[in-house]
C-alpha atoms as a PDB file:
ATOM      1  CA  UNK A   1       0.000   0.000   0.000  1.00  0.00           C
ATOM      2  CA  UNK A   2       1.329   3.455  -0.880  1.00  0.00           C
ATOM      3  CA  UNK A   3       1.915   6.116   1.722  1.00  0.00           C
ATOM      4  CA  UNK A   4      -0.735   8.836   1.945  1.00  0.00           C
ATOM      5  CA  UNK A   5       0.661  12.260   1.040  1.00  0.00           C
ATOM      6  CA  UNK A   6      -0.465  14.914   3.490  1.00  0.00           C
ATOM      7  CA  UNK A   7      -0.147  18.641   2.820  1.00  0.00           C
ATOM      8  CA  UNK A   8       0.975  20.662   5.843  1.00  0.00           C
ATOM      9  CA  UNK A   9       0.184  24.143   4.478  1.00  0.00           C
ATOM     10  CA  UNK A  10      -3.261  24.879   5.917  1.00  0.00           C
ATOM     11  CA  UNK A  11      -3.987  27.657   3.418  1.00  0.00           C
ATOM     12  CA  UNK A  12      -3.253  25.272   0.544  1.00  0.00           C
ATOM     13  CA  UNK A  13      -5.428  22.522   2.030  1.00  0.00           C
ATOM     14  CA  UNK A  14      -8.292  25.016   2.449  1.00  0.00           C
ATOM     15  CA  UNK A  15      -7.871  26.236  -1.142  1.00  0.00           C
ATOM     16  CA  UNK A  16      -7.955  22.669  -2.489  1.00  0.00           C
ATOM     17  CA  UNK A  17     -11.129  21.971  -0.499  1.00  0.00           C
ATOM     18  CA  UNK A  18     -12.737  25.196  -1.809  1.00  0.00           C
ATOM     19  CA  UNK A  19     -11.805  24.300  -5.389  1.00  0.00           C
ATOM     20  CA  UNK A  20     -13.357  20.836  -5.081  1.00  0.00           C
ATOM     21  CA  UNK A  21     -16.518  22.247  -3.476  1.00  0.00           C
ATOM     22  CA  UNK A  22     -16.830  24.849  -6.243  1.00  0.00           C
ATOM     23  CA  UNK A  23     -16.434  22.133  -8.860  1.00  0.00           C
ATOM     24  CA  UNK A  24     -19.185  20.058  -7.247  1.00  0.00           C
ATOM     25  CA  UNK A  25     -21.587  22.990  -6.901  1.00  0.00           C
ATOM     26  CA  UNK A  26     -21.122  24.476 -10.395  1.00  0.00           C
ATOM     27  CA  UNK A  27     -20.176  21.358 -12.333  1.00  0.00           C
ATOM     28  CA  UNK A  28     -17.095  23.181 -13.689  1.00  0.00           C
ATOM     29  CA  UNK A  29     -14.287  20.701 -14.346  1.00  0.00           C
ATOM     30  CA  UNK A  30     -11.731  23.524 -14.329  1.00  0.00           C
ATOM     31  CA  UNK A  31     -11.703  23.859 -10.540  1.00  0.00           C
ATOM     32  CA  UNK A  32     -11.352  20.092  -9.991  1.00  0.00           C
ATOM     33  CA  UNK A  33      -8.439  19.992 -12.447  1.00  0.00           C
ATOM     34  CA  UNK A  34      -6.658  22.819 -10.619  1.00  0.00           C
ATOM     35  CA  UNK A  35      -7.300  21.148  -7.241  1.00  0.00           C
ATOM     36  CA  UNK A  36      -5.786  17.886  -8.481  1.00  0.00           C
ATOM     37  CA  UNK A  37      -2.729  19.734  -9.820  1.00  0.00           C
ATOM     38  CA  UNK A  38      -2.227  21.514  -6.478  1.00  0.00           C
ATOM     39  CA  UNK A  39      -2.529  18.221  -4.582  1.00  0.00           C
ATOM     40  CA  UNK A  40       0.604  16.943  -6.301  1.00  0.00           C
ATOM     41  CA  UNK A  41       4.071  17.405  -4.869  1.00  0.00           C
ATOM     42  CA  UNK A  42       5.228  21.028  -5.071  1.00  0.00           C
ATOM     43  CA  UNK A  43       8.237  19.925  -7.128  1.00  0.00           C
ATOM     44  CA  UNK A  44       5.755  18.868  -9.842  1.00  0.00           C
ATOM     45  CA  UNK A  45       3.866  22.181  -9.874  1.00  0.00           C
ATOM     46  CA  UNK A  46       3.898  24.425 -12.895  1.00  0.00           C
ATOM     47  CA  UNK A  47       6.415  27.310 -12.792  1.00  0.00           C
ATOM     48  CA  UNK A  48       6.123  29.174 -16.104  1.00  0.00           C
ATOM     49  CA  UNK A  49       7.894  32.444 -16.875  1.00  0.00           C
ATOM     50  CA  UNK A  50       6.280  35.625 -18.179  1.00  0.00           C
ATOM     51  CA  UNK A  51       7.719  34.890 -21.616  1.00  0.00           C
ATOM     52  CA  UNK A  52       5.551  31.754 -21.787  1.00  0.00           C
ATOM     53  CA  UNK A  53       2.533  33.753 -20.624  1.00  0.00           C
ATOM     54  CA  UNK A  54       3.111  36.300 -23.402  1.00  0.00           C
ATOM     55  CA  UNK A  55       3.602  33.566 -26.007  1.00  0.00           C
ATOM     56  CA  UNK A  56       0.423  31.592 -25.229  1.00  0.00           C
ATOM     57  CA  UNK A  57      -2.084  34.137 -23.899  1.00  0.00           C
ATOM     58  CA  UNK A  58      -3.897  36.784 -25.931  1.00  0.00           C
ATOM     59  CA  UNK A  59      -4.077  40.447 -24.922  1.00  0.00           C
ATOM     60  CA  UNK A  60      -6.883  40.372 -22.342  1.00  0.00           C
ATOM     61  CA  UNK A  61      -7.134  36.676 -21.505  1.00  0.00           C
ATOM     62  CA  UNK A  62      -7.896  35.364 -18.030  1.00  0.00           C
ATOM     63  CA  UNK A  63      -4.964  33.067 -17.221  1.00  0.00           C
ATOM     64  CA  UNK A  64      -4.683  30.654 -14.284  1.00  0.00           C
ATOM     65  CA  UNK A  65      -1.321  29.225 -13.193  1.00  0.00           C
ATOM     66  CA  UNK A  66      -1.637  26.254 -10.799  1.00  0.00           C
ATOM     67  CA  UNK A  67       1.738  26.984  -9.227  1.00  0.00           C
ATOM     68  CA  UNK A  68       4.140  29.913  -9.244  1.00  0.00           C
ATOM     69  CA  UNK A  69       4.538  32.486 -12.012  1.00  0.00           C
ATOM     70  CA  UNK A  70       8.166  33.562 -12.446  1.00  0.00           C
ATOM     71  CA  UNK A  71       9.360  36.944 -13.709  1.00  0.00           C
ATOM     72  CA  UNK A  72      11.724  36.148 -16.583  1.00  0.00           C
ATOM     73  CA  UNK A  73      10.580  37.779 -19.811  1.00  0.00           C
ATOM     74  CA  UNK A  74       8.306  40.639 -20.760  1.00  0.00           C
ATOM     75  CA  UNK A  75       4.529  41.040 -20.583  1.00  0.00           C
ATOM     76  CA  UNK A  76       2.612  41.606 -23.813  1.00  0.00           C
ATOM     77  CA  UNK A  77      -0.886  43.065 -23.469  1.00  0.00           C
ATOM     78  CA  UNK A  78      -2.875  43.426 -20.250  1.00  0.00           C
ATOM     79  CA  UNK A  79      -3.527  39.902 -18.969  1.00  0.00           C
ATOM     80  CA  UNK A  80      -5.478  39.066 -15.837  1.00  0.00           C
ATOM     81  CA  UNK A  81      -3.444  36.394 -14.079  1.00  0.00           C
ATOM     82  CA  UNK A  82      -4.348  34.198 -11.123  1.00  0.00           C
ATOM     83  CA  UNK A  83      -1.785  31.916  -9.499  1.00  0.00           C
ATOM     84  CA  UNK A  84      -1.029  30.251  -6.193  1.00  0.00           C
ATOM     85  CA  UNK A  85       2.010  32.519  -5.912  1.00  0.00           C
ATOM     86  CA  UNK A  86       3.968  35.061  -7.935  1.00  0.00           C
ATOM     87  CA  UNK A  87       7.599  36.095  -7.908  1.00  0.00           C
ATOM     88  CA  UNK A  88       7.972  39.762  -7.024  1.00  0.00           C
ATOM     89  CA  UNK A  89       9.331  40.539 -10.491  1.00  0.00           C
ATOM     90  CA  UNK A  90       6.386  38.891 -12.229  1.00  0.00           C
ATOM     91  CA  UNK A  91       3.863  40.766 -10.116  1.00  0.00           C
ATOM     92  CA  UNK A  92       5.561  44.120 -10.749  1.00  0.00           C
ATOM     93  CA  UNK A  93       5.796  43.558 -14.520  1.00  0.00           C
ATOM     94  CA  UNK A  94       2.136  42.511 -14.871  1.00  0.00           C
ATOM     95  CA  UNK A  95       0.882  45.473 -12.859  1.00  0.00           C
ATOM     96  CA  UNK A  96       3.178  47.874 -14.770  1.00  0.00           C
ATOM     97  CA  UNK A  97       1.723  46.597 -18.064  1.00  0.00           C
ATOM     98  CA  UNK A  98      -1.808  47.342 -16.821  1.00  0.00           C
ATOM     99  CA  UNK A  99      -2.715  43.723 -16.095  1.00  0.00           C
ATOM    100  CA  UNK A 100      -4.375  42.325 -13.001  1.00  0.00           C
ATOM    101  CA  UNK A 101      -2.798  39.967 -10.453  1.00  0.00           C
ATOM    102  CA  UNK A 102      -5.035  37.860  -8.199  1.00  0.00           C
ATOM    103  CA  UNK A 103      -5.079  34.673  -6.169  1.00  0.00           C
ATOM    104  CA  UNK A 104      -6.866  31.525  -7.304  1.00  0.00           C
ATOM    105  CA  UNK A 105      -9.522  32.047  -4.602  1.00  0.00           C
ATOM    106  CA  UNK A 106     -10.214  35.584  -5.894  1.00  0.00           C
ATOM    107  CA  UNK A 107     -10.595  34.252  -9.442  1.00  0.00           C
ATOM    108  CA  UNK A 108     -12.978  31.573  -8.192  1.00  0.00           C
ATOM    109  CA  UNK A 109     -15.160  34.242  -6.545  1.00  0.00           C
ATOM    110  CA  UNK A 110     -15.013  36.472  -9.629  1.00  0.00           C
ATOM    111  CA  UNK A 111     -15.750  33.684 -12.146  1.00  0.00           C
ATOM    112  CA  UNK A 112     -17.521  30.777 -10.378  1.00  0.00           C
ATOM    113  CA  UNK A 113     -18.137  28.763 -13.541  1.00  0.00           C
ATOM    114  CA  UNK A 114     -14.602  29.208 -14.855  1.00  0.00           C
ATOM    115  CA  UNK A 115     -15.674  30.271 -18.340  1.00  0.00           C
ATOM    116  CA  UNK A 116     -13.005  31.874 -20.463  1.00  0.00           C
ATOM    117  CA  UNK A 117     -10.162  30.860 -18.114  1.00  0.00           C
ATOM    118  CA  UNK A 118      -6.979  29.566 -19.746  1.00  0.00           C
ATOM    119  CA  UNK A 119      -4.741  27.233 -17.656  1.00  0.00           C
ATOM    120  CA  UNK A 120      -1.047  27.841 -18.235  1.00  0.00           C
ATOM    121  CA  UNK A 121       1.265  25.123 -17.062  1.00  0.00           C
END
């Protein structure tokens, strides 16, 4: 039998529970997918750079990063980005470009059904 992996970060455990509850209540598979990605080991989380964000996201897309967004590269357009965490450089560059930075929980409140959200990672 395999060993049960237990997360020790209470905020992360609460976020995963909220994501699963939102998925059950709205039927949106997006939130369940993000919850399952965040349940994995942190070493397997997505850590894209801003250059990848600029390459794959259109000007005003709503982008969700189930991990940490890093600050290497430049921001094109004014994206709205939600992630579990941001590097300080990434957050400064997005805000300087006129984009919006938010947590995954804030995105879930703003867009409960998850329509128009692009997962990067």
